[in-house]
Amino acid sequence: MTPNEISEAITRLHFDNNGSYSQRGRIRAIMNGGQDGIAALLGDNLKGLADWQVPVPNLMMSGLEHLSQKIGRIPNLKVDVPNGKDSDRARMKTEKIARIVNSYDESQKLELQMPQVGRWLPGYGFAVWVIREKKGPDGTPYPCAELRDPYNCFPGYFGAEQQPKDMAIVRRVPKNALAATYPNAKDKIYQKNKSITNPKAVGNSYASAYNSQTNGSWANSNGDGDLVAEYYNIEGTYIFHMGSATILDFIPNPLDSGPAFVIAKKFSFDRMQGQYDQIIGLMGSMAKINVMSIIAMEDAVFTETNISGEIESGQYRKGRFAVNYLAPGTQVSKPASNVPYQIFQQIDRIERQLRVGGSYPTQDDSQSPLAFATGRGLEELGSSMSLMIREYHTVMADAIEMIDSKRLEWDEKMYGGESKSLSGYMANKFYSETYDPGKDIYGSYKTRRVYGAMAGYDEPQKIVTGLQLLQAGIIDKQTLQENLDGLDNIVRVNDRILKEKADSVLFDTLLSQAQQGDPKAIMAIVQIRSNPSDMQNILDKFFTAEAPEIPQPEQELLGGGALPPQGPPPGIAELLGSLGG
């Protein structure tokens, strides 16, 4: 593509997203809060308020935070064996691909990206990844899905596949950083824009529109620097300097599956919009009513003073220690405070409308009278909110499956025939091995991303619902454990549970023998009482041939003389065998 063609494409994408981009600015201001948020809601006339003087609770931000906690999690990775190829070799290949993809996820820290996706996707209506190459700590190159701030992203038309054919990302980069990255274009970067002969062709109109709607970017928040655009299409990625209409770089696209980016788009009617686009007006109304209520209450507390008569001092003084001299017959009165109760009713009404419009139930604010979920409580919580979460999970799972496919294809096309290292954790086990992308991937780009059975539930809901499902026989214990947060190594947890059960059986057996007068058992109980933290070692010694001998004085105290011969204590195998009974 020529510079003019790139500029025309960027200008087209910007104006196609003009309405969405303006809305992004309002959403960003409200979500960030402070003076910009006040101005977005109430106008510049109240922009002088300090951040702590914001007259309205930011239910949009609160709702977004709670929603992101429910949806901003990485889905589980599944790689299925192809039909008719259920052989050891096929299973080994799918397991290898699963480890490769898992190593991608860990290298690019996909788990840390998802909470941010959980905020951008409902906030702006979409989230963007670009596929590019990075190197791991050992220098091994790997395909990385780099998450980008959608605020400055301008996607093209979403077709039937819900993925545009091209996209532009525009940001400001300081001249010195730009010249250091592209030294061959240093003269073009530092020159004044004298090379622009056709403003319409090179995008001056675009630059003007962009400047009027933004005060910074994700790369350079102070708003300084030159406009630089990344333009993506099936050919590759063009790095374009807007001021000089110069192509700074071109990265070819090795993918046959489409451009090197993936967009997760929120379901909507016929245009891209965020979760809270329709309730900005309600937020503004609540802010205005809050302002009026604050003014009304201040007027009610600090009412005017009405004086009928004369004040000898000439001025009426207020305060705890003020003294006023009044002429005989002078009367001082204050009007009755009158704060309309309808104000507070209207605030409650708007708040309910905000929650309905934003699908943000009061239960998410811990306002539910139920400390734990009951059947009725779960029904309330699982209505509209659960359906909405399921939709977001569908969108995010599909996007990450597409990311997996493009990363695998990129790896195979770029490094087929080379030996590469990979490592990571999978099924609570560490792995480290080598692979050949051309041999081990070989056209297998399909993965499956699924969320757990209780994805989107908070922990009390998970516990109560999981125990109910376990009791009903619908799920097994391991499935319940896999869906609870904090159980990273389930194998180790289950080993500890079995060990505790075994120790409990052994201790009960030891106690029973001690009650029957076994002197060695009694001494073992005494040792455990003196040193409870060493119970495991004491039990191990007692139920083995290494049981400690009892000194003669203790024997005399216990039995009053020589002890009769005792039979051998039960063996460890015999005791453990009793666990099954």
Protein backbone atom coordinates (compact mmCIF):
# COMPACT_ATOMS: atom_id res chain seq x y z
CA MET A 1 0.00 0.00 0.00
CA THR A 2 1.08 3.55 -0.70
CA PRO A 3 1.16 6.24 2.01
CA ASN A 4 -1.92 7.88 0.50
CA GLU A 5 -3.84 4.57 0.55
CA ILE A 6 -2.87 3.95 4.16
CA SER A 7 -3.88 7.46 5.16
CA GLU A 8 -7.22 7.18 3.40
CA ALA A 9 -7.86 3.82 5.12
CA ILE A 10 -7.03 5.26 8.56
CA THR A 11 -9.24 8.28 7.95
CA ARG A 12 -12.09 5.99 6.85
CA LEU A 13 -11.76 3.83 9.97
CA HIS A 14 -11.70 6.85 12.24
CA PHE A 15 -14.87 8.37 10.84
CA ASP A 16 -16.62 5.00 10.76
CA ASN A 17 -15.95 4.84 14.51
CA ASN A 18 -16.73 8.50 15.15
CA GLY A 19 -19.86 7.93 17.25
CA SER A 20 -18.34 5.05 19.15
CA TYR A 21 -15.14 7.01 19.78
CA SER A 22 -16.97 9.99 21.26
CA GLN A 23 -18.83 7.64 23.58
CA ARG A 24 -15.55 6.02 24.61
CA GLY A 25 -14.31 9.40 25.81
CA ARG A 26 -17.36 9.88 28.03
CA ILE A 27 -17.17 6.34 29.37
CA ARG A 28 -13.46 6.69 30.16
CA ALA A 29 -14.00 9.99 31.96
CA ILE A 30 -16.84 8.62 34.09
CA MET A 31 -15.01 5.39 34.90
CA ASN A 32 -11.84 7.24 35.89
CA GLY A 33 -13.90 9.64 38.03
CA GLY A 34 -12.63 12.96 39.33
CA GLN A 35 -13.19 16.30 37.61
CA ASP A 36 -13.29 14.85 34.10
CA GLY A 37 -16.01 12.48 35.23
CA ILE A 38 -18.00 15.35 36.75
CA ALA A 39 -17.66 17.33 33.54
CA ALA A 40 -18.85 14.34 31.48
CA LEU A 41 -21.97 14.12 33.64
CA LEU A 42 -22.76 17.71 34.61
CA GLY A 43 -20.86 19.90 32.16
CA ASP A 44 -17.96 22.24 32.60
CA ASN A 45 -19.85 24.54 34.96
CA LEU A 46 -19.16 22.16 37.84
CA LYS A 47 -15.72 21.08 36.77
CA GLY A 48 -14.11 23.20 39.49
CA LEU A 49 -15.14 20.71 42.15
CA ALA A 50 -12.36 18.71 43.73
CA ASP A 51 -12.22 14.93 43.26
CA TRP A 52 -13.46 14.35 46.80
CA GLN A 53 -16.44 16.60 46.13
CA VAL A 54 -17.97 14.33 43.49
CA PRO A 55 -21.70 14.63 44.20
CA VAL A 56 -22.77 11.18 43.01
CA PRO A 57 -21.81 7.58 43.74
CA ASN A 58 -20.19 6.09 40.65
CA LEU A 59 -22.49 3.11 40.25
CA MET A 60 -21.16 2.57 36.73
CA MET A 61 -17.62 2.10 38.01
CA SER A 62 -18.82 -0.03 40.91
CA GLY A 63 -20.88 -2.19 38.57
CA LEU A 64 -17.99 -2.55 36.14
CA GLU A 65 -15.62 -3.62 38.92
CA HIS A 66 -18.02 -6.30 40.14
CA LEU A 67 -18.77 -7.51 36.62
CA SER A 68 -15.08 -7.73 35.73
CA GLN A 69 -14.46 -9.91 38.78
CA LYS A 70 -17.04 -12.36 37.46
CA ILE A 71 -16.00 -12.44 33.81
CA GLY A 72 -12.30 -11.50 33.89
CA ARG A 73 -10.93 -15.01 34.25
CA ILE A 74 -9.06 -17.14 31.79
CA PRO A 75 -11.12 -20.10 30.50
CA ASN A 76 -9.80 -23.62 30.79
CA LEU A 77 -7.84 -25.02 27.87
CA LYS A 78 -9.02 -28.20 26.09
CA VAL A 79 -7.47 -29.85 23.04
CA ASP A 80 -9.61 -32.69 21.70
CA VAL A 81 -8.42 -35.75 19.79
CA PRO A 82 -9.73 -35.71 16.18
CA ASN A 83 -12.54 -38.13 15.32
CA GLY A 84 -11.37 -41.53 14.26
CA LYS A 85 -7.84 -40.93 15.49
CA ASP A 86 -8.18 -42.06 19.09
CA SER A 87 -4.73 -43.59 19.26
CA ASP A 88 -1.81 -43.16 21.62
CA ARG A 89 0.00 -41.13 19.00
CA ALA A 90 -2.98 -38.81 18.47
CA ARG A 91 -3.44 -38.33 22.21
CA MET A 92 0.25 -37.57 22.65
CA LYS A 93 0.03 -34.93 19.91
CA THR A 94 -3.00 -33.22 21.45
CA GLU A 95 -1.32 -33.23 24.87
CA LYS A 96 1.77 -31.69 23.28
CA ILE A 97 -0.30 -28.95 21.61
CA ALA A 98 -2.02 -28.26 24.94
CA ARG A 99 1.38 -27.78 26.60
CA ILE A 100 2.52 -25.52 23.75
CA VAL A 101 -0.55 -23.29 24.03
CA ASN A 102 -0.28 -23.27 27.82
CA SER A 103 3.33 -22.09 27.51
CA TYR A 104 2.09 -19.25 25.25
CA ASP A 105 -0.42 -18.25 27.94
CA GLU A 106 2.18 -18.21 30.69
CA SER A 107 4.80 -16.38 28.60
CA GLN A 108 2.43 -13.53 27.73
CA LYS A 109 0.75 -13.63 31.19
CA LEU A 110 -2.72 -14.10 29.75
CA GLU A 111 -4.15 -14.63 33.23
CA LEU A 112 -3.16 -11.06 34.15
CA GLN A 113 -4.68 -9.69 30.94
CA MET A 114 -8.14 -11.12 31.57
CA PRO A 115 -9.16 -8.81 34.47
CA GLN A 116 -8.37 -5.86 32.20
CA VAL A 117 -10.39 -7.46 29.39
CA GLY A 118 -13.22 -7.83 31.90
CA ARG A 119 -13.25 -4.03 32.25
CA TRP A 120 -12.68 -2.98 28.63
CA LEU A 121 -15.11 -5.41 26.99
CA PRO A 122 -18.26 -4.21 28.83
CA GLY A 123 -16.92 -0.64 29.19
CA TYR A 124 -16.05 0.09 25.56
CA GLY A 125 -17.93 -2.78 23.96
CA PHE A 126 -14.84 -4.56 22.64
CA ALA A 127 -11.30 -5.68 23.50
CA VAL A 128 -8.34 -6.01 21.12
CA TRP A 129 -5.30 -8.28 20.88
CA VAL A 130 -2.60 -8.00 18.23
CA ILE A 131 -0.44 -11.02 17.35
CA ARG A 132 3.26 -10.34 17.31
CA GLU A 133 6.54 -12.02 18.10
CA LYS A 134 8.32 -11.74 21.42
CA LYS A 135 11.23 -13.52 23.07
CA GLY A 136 11.24 -15.38 26.34
CA PRO A 137 13.91 -15.06 29.06
CA ASP A 138 16.03 -17.71 27.31
CA GLY A 139 15.80 -15.91 23.96
CA THR A 140 13.29 -18.35 22.43
CA PRO A 141 10.81 -16.49 20.17
CA TYR A 142 7.14 -17.15 20.72
CA PRO A 143 3.88 -15.74 19.26
CA CYS A 144 2.33 -13.30 21.71
CA ALA A 145 -1.22 -11.94 21.81
CA GLU A 146 -0.58 -8.40 23.02
CA LEU A 147 -3.57 -6.74 24.68
CA ARG A 148 -4.21 -3.17 23.50
CA ASP A 149 -6.24 -0.34 24.95
CA PRO A 150 -9.38 -0.20 22.77
CA TYR A 151 -9.80 3.51 23.39
CA ASN A 152 -7.48 4.37 20.48
CA CYS A 153 -8.40 1.34 18.32
CA PHE A 154 -10.55 1.82 15.24
CA PRO A 155 -11.81 -1.51 13.82
CA GLY A 156 -13.38 -1.88 10.42
CA TYR A 157 -16.74 -3.34 9.54
CA PHE A 158 -17.71 -6.46 11.52
CA GLY A 159 -18.89 -9.04 9.03
CA ALA A 160 -20.63 -12.37 9.51
CA GLU A 161 -17.53 -13.77 11.23
CA GLN A 162 -17.64 -10.94 13.80
CA GLN A 163 -14.08 -10.00 12.88
CA PRO A 164 -13.15 -6.94 10.79
CA LYS A 165 -10.80 -7.13 7.83
CA ASP A 166 -8.66 -4.20 8.92
CA MET A 167 -7.99 -2.04 11.97
CA ALA A 168 -6.01 1.04 12.95
CA ILE A 169 -4.43 1.89 16.30
CA VAL A 170 -3.48 5.54 16.70
CA ARG A 171 -1.32 6.90 19.49
CA ARG A 172 1.11 9.66 20.29
CA VAL A 173 4.81 8.90 20.56
CA PRO A 174 7.47 11.44 21.59
CA LYS A 175 9.75 12.44 18.71
CA ASN A 176 12.93 11.29 20.45
CA ALA A 177 11.50 7.83 21.17
CA LEU A 178 10.20 7.60 17.62
CA ALA A 179 13.53 8.63 16.10
CA ALA A 180 15.40 6.16 18.32
CA THR A 181 13.16 3.32 17.17
CA TYR A 182 13.28 4.28 13.47
CA PRO A 183 16.63 6.04 12.90
CA ASN A 184 16.34 5.76 9.10
CA ALA A 185 13.30 8.07 9.21
CA LYS A 186 14.84 10.57 11.64
CA ASP A 187 14.88 13.43 9.11
CA LYS A 188 11.21 12.89 8.26
CA ILE A 189 10.22 12.73 11.91
CA TYR A 190 11.94 15.98 12.90
CA GLN A 191 11.02 17.99 9.81
CA LYS A 192 8.11 20.38 9.82
CA ASN A 193 5.12 19.09 7.93
CA LYS A 194 6.18 20.69 4.67
CA SER A 195 5.91 17.43 2.77
CA ILE A 196 2.14 17.46 3.03
CA THR A 197 0.88 18.50 -0.36
CA ASN A 198 -2.53 16.91 -0.29
CA PRO A 199 -4.09 17.33 3.17
CA LYS A 200 -7.09 15.18 2.36
CA ALA A 201 -4.94 12.33 1.07
CA VAL A 202 -2.38 12.20 3.86
CA GLY A 203 -4.87 12.53 6.67
CA ASN A 204 -4.68 16.05 7.98
CA SER A 205 -8.45 16.00 8.26
CA TYR A 206 -8.16 12.84 10.31
CA ALA A 207 -5.45 14.32 12.51
CA SER A 208 -7.62 17.36 13.17
CA ALA A 209 -10.60 15.21 14.14
CA TYR A 210 -8.45 12.99 16.31
CA ASN A 211 -6.89 15.92 18.14
CA SER A 212 -10.28 17.40 18.88
CA GLN A 213 -11.44 14.26 20.70
CA THR A 214 -8.44 13.03 22.64
CA ASN A 215 -5.97 14.43 25.09
CA GLY A 216 -3.53 11.55 25.19
CA SER A 217 -3.10 7.85 24.60
CA TRP A 218 -2.09 4.66 26.30
CA ALA A 219 1.55 5.14 25.22
CA ASN A 220 1.95 8.79 26.11
CA SER A 221 -0.60 10.07 28.57
CA ASN A 222 0.65 13.65 28.65
CA GLY A 223 -0.59 14.25 25.13
CA ASP A 224 2.80 15.19 23.65
CA GLY A 225 4.42 13.66 20.62
CA ASP A 226 3.59 12.78 17.04
CA LEU A 227 0.60 10.83 15.81
CA VAL A 228 1.65 7.32 14.80
CA ALA A 229 -0.77 4.79 13.37
CA GLU A 230 -0.55 1.01 13.21
CA TYR A 231 -2.64 -0.16 10.30
CA TYR A 232 -3.48 -3.90 10.16
CA ASN A 233 -4.84 -5.82 7.20
CA ILE A 234 -4.31 -9.21 5.58
CA GLU A 235 -1.00 -8.04 4.10
CA GLY A 236 0.59 -7.17 7.43
CA THR A 237 1.14 -4.24 9.77
CA TYR A 238 2.08 -0.76 8.55
CA ILE A 239 3.67 1.69 11.00
CA PHE A 240 2.69 5.09 9.64
CA HIS A 241 3.90 8.56 10.74
CA MET A 242 0.95 10.87 10.20
CA GLY A 243 2.85 14.18 10.20
CA SER A 244 5.18 13.31 7.34
CA ALA A 245 3.01 10.67 5.65
CA THR A 246 5.90 8.20 5.98
CA ILE A 247 5.75 4.42 6.28
CA LEU A 248 8.18 3.77 9.13
CA ASP A 249 7.98 -0.01 9.02
CA PHE A 250 6.09 -2.93 7.54
CA ILE A 251 5.72 -6.34 9.24
CA PRO A 252 4.42 -9.02 6.82
CA ASN A 253 1.52 -11.15 8.02
CA PRO A 254 2.41 -14.87 7.92
CA LEU A 255 -1.16 -15.99 8.69
CA ASP A 256 -3.55 -17.44 6.13
CA SER A 257 -6.40 -17.14 8.64
CA GLY A 258 -6.68 -13.35 8.37
CA PRO A 259 -5.08 -10.24 9.85
CA ALA A 260 -2.82 -10.52 12.89
CA PHE A 261 -5.34 -9.28 15.44
CA VAL A 262 -8.37 -10.59 17.33
CA ILE A 263 -11.31 -8.55 18.63
CA ALA A 264 -13.73 -9.68 21.31
CA LYS A 265 -16.95 -7.77 20.59
CA LYS A 266 -19.87 -7.47 22.99
CA PHE A 267 -23.20 -8.68 21.62
CA SER A 268 -25.33 -5.72 20.55
CA PHE A 269 -28.21 -4.91 18.25
CA ASP A 270 -26.67 -3.33 15.16
CA ARG A 271 -23.75 -1.20 16.38
CA MET A 272 -20.88 -1.49 18.80
CA GLN A 273 -21.73 -0.25 22.27
CA GLY A 274 -20.70 -0.88 25.86
CA GLN A 275 -22.69 -2.20 28.78
CA TYR A 276 -23.32 1.24 30.25
CA ASP A 277 -23.82 3.45 27.18
CA GLN A 278 -27.56 3.73 27.79
CA ILE A 279 -27.41 4.81 31.42
CA ILE A 280 -25.03 7.78 31.23
CA GLY A 281 -28.06 10.09 31.22
CA LEU A 282 -29.35 8.43 34.41
CA MET A 283 -25.97 8.96 36.04
CA GLY A 284 -26.14 12.63 35.09
CA SER A 285 -29.67 12.91 36.51
CA MET A 286 -28.59 11.31 39.77
CA ALA A 287 -25.64 13.69 40.00
CA LYS A 288 -27.90 16.72 39.47
CA ILE A 289 -30.42 15.55 42.05
CA ASN A 290 -27.63 14.88 44.52
CA VAL A 291 -26.33 18.39 44.01
CA MET A 292 -29.80 19.80 44.61
CA SER A 293 -30.27 17.71 47.73
CA ILE A 294 -26.92 18.87 49.13
CA ILE A 295 -27.86 22.51 48.46
CA ALA A 296 -31.30 21.97 50.03
CA MET A 297 -29.84 20.43 53.16
CA GLU A 298 -27.26 23.18 53.51
CA ASP A 299 -30.01 25.79 53.17
CA ALA A 300 -32.05 23.95 55.79
CA VAL A 301 -29.15 23.91 58.27
CA PHE A 302 -27.82 27.38 57.54
CA THR A 303 -31.07 29.25 57.14
CA GLU A 304 -31.33 33.02 56.95
CA THR A 305 -32.11 35.13 60.02
CA ASN A 306 -35.15 37.40 59.99
CA ILE A 307 -35.13 40.41 62.37
CA SER A 308 -38.21 42.54 63.11
CA GLY A 309 -37.02 45.67 64.89
CA GLU A 310 -33.61 47.20 65.49
CA ILE A 311 -30.16 45.91 66.40
CA GLU A 312 -28.28 48.30 68.64
CA SER A 313 -24.91 46.95 67.48
CA GLY A 314 -25.89 47.50 63.86
CA GLN A 315 -24.95 43.96 62.76
CA TYR A 316 -26.36 40.57 63.67
CA ARG A 317 -23.61 38.22 64.80
CA LYS A 318 -23.76 34.43 64.50
CA GLY A 319 -21.76 31.79 66.37
CA ARG A 320 -21.48 30.13 69.79
CA PHE A 321 -20.09 33.17 71.61
CA ALA A 322 -21.81 35.93 69.67
CA VAL A 323 -23.68 38.62 71.59
CA ASN A 324 -26.33 40.81 70.00
CA TYR A 325 -27.99 43.84 71.63
CA LEU A 326 -31.55 44.21 70.48
CA ALA A 327 -33.88 47.16 71.00
CA PRO A 328 -37.03 46.52 72.98
CA GLY A 329 -39.70 44.84 70.85
CA THR A 330 -37.21 43.37 68.37
CA GLN A 331 -37.94 39.78 67.29
CA VAL A 332 -35.52 37.30 65.73
CA SER A 333 -36.82 34.26 63.84
CA LYS A 334 -35.67 31.60 61.39
CA PRO A 335 -37.86 30.00 58.74
CA ALA A 336 -38.74 26.35 59.14
CA SER A 337 -36.46 23.98 57.24
CA ASN A 338 -38.15 22.39 54.33
CA VAL A 339 -36.21 19.69 52.48
CA PRO A 340 -38.59 18.04 50.00
CA TYR A 341 -38.70 14.31 50.72
CA GLN A 342 -39.44 13.74 47.03
CA ILE A 343 -35.75 14.41 46.33
CA PHE A 344 -34.67 11.29 48.19
CA GLN A 345 -37.45 9.24 46.65
CA GLN A 346 -36.26 10.29 43.22
CA ILE A 347 -32.66 9.35 44.06
CA ASP A 348 -33.79 5.85 45.06
CA ARG A 349 -35.90 5.56 41.91
CA ILE A 350 -32.99 6.55 39.64
CA GLU A 351 -30.66 4.18 41.45
CA ARG A 352 -33.04 1.28 40.78
CA GLN A 353 -33.22 2.31 37.13
CA LEU A 354 -29.42 2.47 36.97
CA ARG A 355 -29.12 -1.02 38.38
CA VAL A 356 -31.70 -2.42 35.98
CA GLY A 357 -30.13 -0.68 32.98
CA GLY A 358 -26.62 -1.75 33.94
CA SER A 359 -27.64 -5.27 35.10
CA TYR A 360 -26.05 -4.56 38.45
CA PRO A 361 -28.14 -6.14 41.25
CA THR A 362 -28.03 -4.96 44.85
CA GLN A 363 -26.80 -8.40 45.84
CA ASP A 364 -23.46 -7.54 44.30
CA ASP A 365 -23.15 -4.72 46.83
CA SER A 366 -23.67 -7.21 49.66
CA GLN A 367 -27.06 -5.63 50.30
CA SER A 368 -28.87 -8.94 50.19
CA PRO A 369 -30.34 -9.94 53.54
CA LEU A 370 -28.97 -13.44 52.97
CA ALA A 371 -25.44 -13.99 54.19
CA PHE A 372 -25.22 -17.17 52.16
CA ALA A 373 -27.12 -18.18 49.08
CA THR A 374 -30.27 -20.18 49.61
CA GLY A 375 -32.34 -21.73 46.87
CA ARG A 376 -34.40 -18.56 46.52
CA GLY A 377 -31.33 -16.35 46.77
CA LEU A 378 -29.55 -18.31 44.07
CA GLU A 379 -32.62 -17.96 41.89
CA GLU A 380 -32.52 -14.17 42.32
CA LEU A 381 -28.82 -13.92 41.73
CA GLY A 382 -28.84 -16.27 38.81
CA SER A 383 -31.40 -14.60 36.61
CA SER A 384 -30.31 -11.66 34.46
CA MET A 385 -26.79 -11.44 35.87
CA SER A 386 -26.00 -15.09 35.11
CA LEU A 387 -27.32 -14.80 31.56
CA MET A 388 -25.23 -11.70 30.97
CA ILE A 389 -22.10 -13.37 32.38
CA ARG A 390 -22.73 -16.38 30.16
CA GLU A 391 -22.83 -14.11 27.12
CA TYR A 392 -19.55 -12.47 28.05
CA HIS A 393 -17.96 -15.86 28.65
CA THR A 394 -19.12 -16.98 25.20
CA VAL A 395 -17.51 -13.93 23.57
CA MET A 396 -14.26 -14.23 25.52
CA ALA A 397 -13.91 -17.98 25.01
CA ASP A 398 -14.41 -17.58 21.26
CA ALA A 399 -11.84 -14.77 21.11
CA ILE A 400 -9.20 -16.77 22.99
CA GLU A 401 -9.83 -19.82 20.79
CA MET A 402 -9.11 -17.56 17.82
CA ILE A 403 -5.97 -16.28 19.58
CA ASP A 404 -4.83 -19.88 20.13
CA SER A 405 -5.37 -20.68 16.46
CA LYS A 406 -3.41 -17.66 15.23
CA ARG A 407 -0.54 -18.26 17.68
CA LEU A 408 -0.21 -21.90 16.65
CA GLU A 409 -0.33 -21.00 12.96
CA TRP A 410 2.21 -18.22 13.49
CA ASP A 411 4.59 -20.57 15.31
CA GLU A 412 4.33 -23.24 12.62
CA LYS A 413 4.70 -20.84 9.67
CA MET A 414 7.63 -18.93 11.16
CA TYR A 415 9.61 -21.64 12.96
CA GLY A 416 8.67 -24.96 11.39
CA GLY A 417 11.69 -27.28 11.37
CA GLU A 418 13.39 -25.59 14.34
CA SER A 419 13.80 -27.01 17.84
CA LYS A 420 12.26 -24.73 20.45
CA SER A 421 12.00 -25.02 24.23
CA LEU A 422 8.80 -24.69 26.23
CA SER A 423 7.94 -24.92 29.90
CA GLY A 424 5.12 -24.19 32.28
CA TYR A 425 2.67 -25.64 34.77
CA MET A 426 -0.21 -27.85 33.72
CA ALA A 427 -2.42 -30.04 35.89
CA ASN A 428 -0.43 -28.76 38.87
CA LYS A 429 2.76 -30.21 37.44
CA PHE A 430 5.79 -28.48 35.96
CA TYR A 431 6.94 -29.49 32.48
CA SER A 432 9.97 -28.56 30.42
CA GLU A 433 10.66 -29.96 26.96
CA THR A 434 11.45 -29.14 23.35
CA TYR A 435 9.24 -29.16 20.28
CA ASP A 436 9.33 -28.61 16.53
CA PRO A 437 6.43 -26.33 15.47
CA GLY A 438 6.34 -27.83 11.99
CA LYS A 439 6.25 -31.42 13.25
CA ASP A 440 4.30 -31.13 16.50
CA ILE A 441 1.69 -28.59 15.37
CA TYR A 442 1.38 -29.49 11.67
CA GLY A 443 -1.90 -27.75 10.92
CA SER A 444 -3.57 -28.53 14.26
CA TYR A 445 -4.74 -25.08 15.26
CA LYS A 446 -8.04 -25.92 16.95
CA THR A 447 -8.45 -25.59 20.71
CA ARG A 448 -11.47 -25.39 22.96
CA ARG A 449 -11.83 -22.86 25.76
CA VAL A 450 -14.46 -23.57 28.40
CA TYR A 451 -15.42 -22.01 31.68
CA GLY A 452 -16.06 -24.07 34.79
CA ALA A 453 -19.45 -25.23 35.97
CA MET A 454 -19.70 -22.35 38.44
CA ALA A 455 -17.82 -19.64 36.58
CA GLY A 456 -19.05 -16.20 37.61
CA TYR A 457 -20.20 -17.33 41.05
CA ASP A 458 -18.70 -15.77 44.14
CA GLU A 459 -17.19 -18.09 46.75
CA PRO A 460 -20.26 -18.47 49.04
CA GLN A 461 -22.37 -19.32 45.99
CA LYS A 462 -19.77 -21.80 44.77
CA ILE A 463 -19.56 -23.55 48.13
CA VAL A 464 -23.31 -23.82 48.71
CA THR A 465 -24.15 -24.75 45.11
CA GLY A 466 -21.21 -27.14 44.84
CA LEU A 467 -22.11 -28.97 48.03
CA GLN A 468 -25.72 -29.27 46.82
CA LEU A 469 -24.59 -30.68 43.47
CA LEU A 470 -22.13 -33.03 45.20
CA GLN A 471 -24.82 -34.31 47.55
CA ALA A 472 -27.20 -34.84 44.64
CA GLY A 473 -24.54 -36.87 42.82
CA ILE A 474 -24.39 -34.48 39.85
CA ILE A 475 -20.68 -33.70 40.27
CA ASP A 476 -17.75 -35.42 41.97
CA LYS A 477 -15.49 -34.04 44.69
CA GLN A 478 -12.65 -33.22 42.31
CA THR A 479 -14.95 -31.15 40.06
CA LEU A 480 -16.05 -29.17 43.10
CA GLN A 481 -12.42 -28.62 44.10
CA GLU A 482 -11.45 -27.50 40.60
CA ASN A 483 -14.13 -24.80 40.70
CA LEU A 484 -13.07 -23.33 44.04
CA ASP A 485 -10.51 -20.54 44.13
CA GLY A 486 -7.31 -21.10 46.05
CA LEU A 487 -6.97 -24.85 45.42
CA ASP A 488 -4.05 -24.67 43.03
CA ASN A 489 -2.65 -28.16 43.66
CA ILE A 490 -5.63 -30.46 44.05
CA VAL A 491 -3.47 -33.61 44.03
CA ARG A 492 -1.48 -32.36 47.00
CA VAL A 493 -4.66 -31.24 48.81
CA ASN A 494 -6.24 -34.69 48.39
CA ASP A 495 -3.03 -36.37 49.56
CA ARG A 496 -3.13 -34.26 52.71
CA ILE A 497 -6.79 -35.12 53.28
CA LEU A 498 -6.04 -38.86 53.05
CA LYS A 499 -3.04 -38.46 55.34
CA GLU A 500 -5.14 -36.66 57.94
CA LYS A 501 -7.73 -39.44 57.79
CA ALA A 502 -5.01 -42.09 58.17
CA ASP A 503 -3.45 -40.22 61.13
CA SER A 504 -6.89 -39.98 62.73
CA VAL A 505 -7.43 -43.75 62.43
CA LEU A 506 -3.95 -44.50 63.79
CA PHE A 507 -4.42 -42.16 66.75
CA ASP A 508 -7.81 -43.67 67.58
CA THR A 509 -6.21 -47.14 67.49
CA LEU A 510 -3.34 -45.97 69.70
CA LEU A 511 -5.79 -44.45 72.17
CA SER A 512 -7.82 -47.67 72.26
CA GLN A 513 -4.72 -49.74 73.03
CA ALA A 514 -3.69 -47.29 75.74
CA GLN A 515 -7.14 -47.61 77.38
CA GLN A 516 -6.65 -51.38 77.38
CA GLY A 517 -3.45 -50.99 79.40
CA ASP A 518 -0.77 -51.32 76.72
CA PRO A 519 2.20 -49.58 78.38
CA LYS A 520 3.90 -48.70 75.10
CA ALA A 521 0.65 -47.13 73.85
CA ILE A 522 0.34 -45.21 77.13
CA MET A 523 3.89 -43.88 76.77
CA ALA A 524 3.18 -42.89 73.15
CA ILE A 525 0.11 -40.93 74.35
CA VAL A 526 2.28 -39.25 76.99
CA GLN A 527 4.85 -38.31 74.32
CA ILE A 528 2.15 -36.87 72.06
CA ARG A 529 0.76 -34.87 74.99
CA SER A 530 4.24 -33.46 75.68
CA ASN A 531 5.00 -32.72 72.03
CA PRO A 532 1.81 -32.59 69.90
CA SER A 533 3.64 -31.29 66.81
CA ASP A 534 5.65 -34.56 66.71
CA MET A 535 2.55 -36.79 66.64
CA GLN A 536 3.27 -38.11 63.15
CA ASN A 537 6.73 -39.37 64.05
CA ILE A 538 5.45 -40.91 67.29
CA LEU A 539 2.70 -42.75 65.42
CA ASP A 540 5.19 -43.94 62.80
CA LYS A 541 7.49 -45.36 65.50
CA PHE A 542 4.67 -47.01 67.42
CA PHE A 543 3.17 -48.82 64.45
CA THR A 544 6.50 -50.12 63.22
CA ALA A 545 9.15 -52.40 64.67
CA GLU A 546 10.94 -49.28 65.90
CA ALA A 547 8.53 -48.74 68.81
CA PRO A 548 10.51 -47.24 71.69
CA GLU A 549 11.28 -49.38 74.71
CA ILE A 550 9.81 -48.22 78.01
CA PRO A 551 12.44 -47.61 80.69
CA GLN A 552 12.34 -49.95 83.72
CA PRO A 553 11.19 -47.25 86.23
CA GLU A 554 8.22 -46.39 84.04
CA GLN A 555 7.43 -50.08 83.69
CA GLU A 556 7.35 -50.48 87.47
CA LEU A 557 5.13 -47.39 87.82
CA LEU A 558 2.72 -48.69 85.22
CA GLY A 559 2.55 -52.32 86.24
CA GLY A 560 3.98 -52.45 89.76
CA GLY A 561 6.48 -55.05 88.70
CA ALA A 562 7.41 -57.14 85.74
CA LEU A 563 5.09 -56.74 82.86
CA PRO A 564 3.53 -59.70 81.21
CA PRO A 565 4.64 -60.30 77.65
CA GLN A 566 2.65 -58.30 75.17
CA GLY A 567 1.69 -59.36 71.71
CA PRO A 568 3.02 -57.35 68.78
CA PRO A 569 1.04 -54.23 67.96
CA PRO A 570 -1.12 -54.40 64.87
CA GLY A 571 0.79 -53.86 61.65
CA ILE A 572 0.44 -50.67 59.61
CA ALA A 573 -0.94 -52.58 56.64
CA GLU A 574 -3.66 -54.11 58.84
CA LEU A 575 -4.65 -50.72 60.24
CA LEU A 576 -4.71 -48.96 56.89
CA GLY A 577 -6.74 -51.82 55.50
CA SER A 578 -9.43 -50.96 57.99
CA LEU A 579 -9.94 -47.57 56.32
CA GLY A 580 -12.02 -49.14 53.62
CA GLY A 581 -14.37 -50.73 56.15
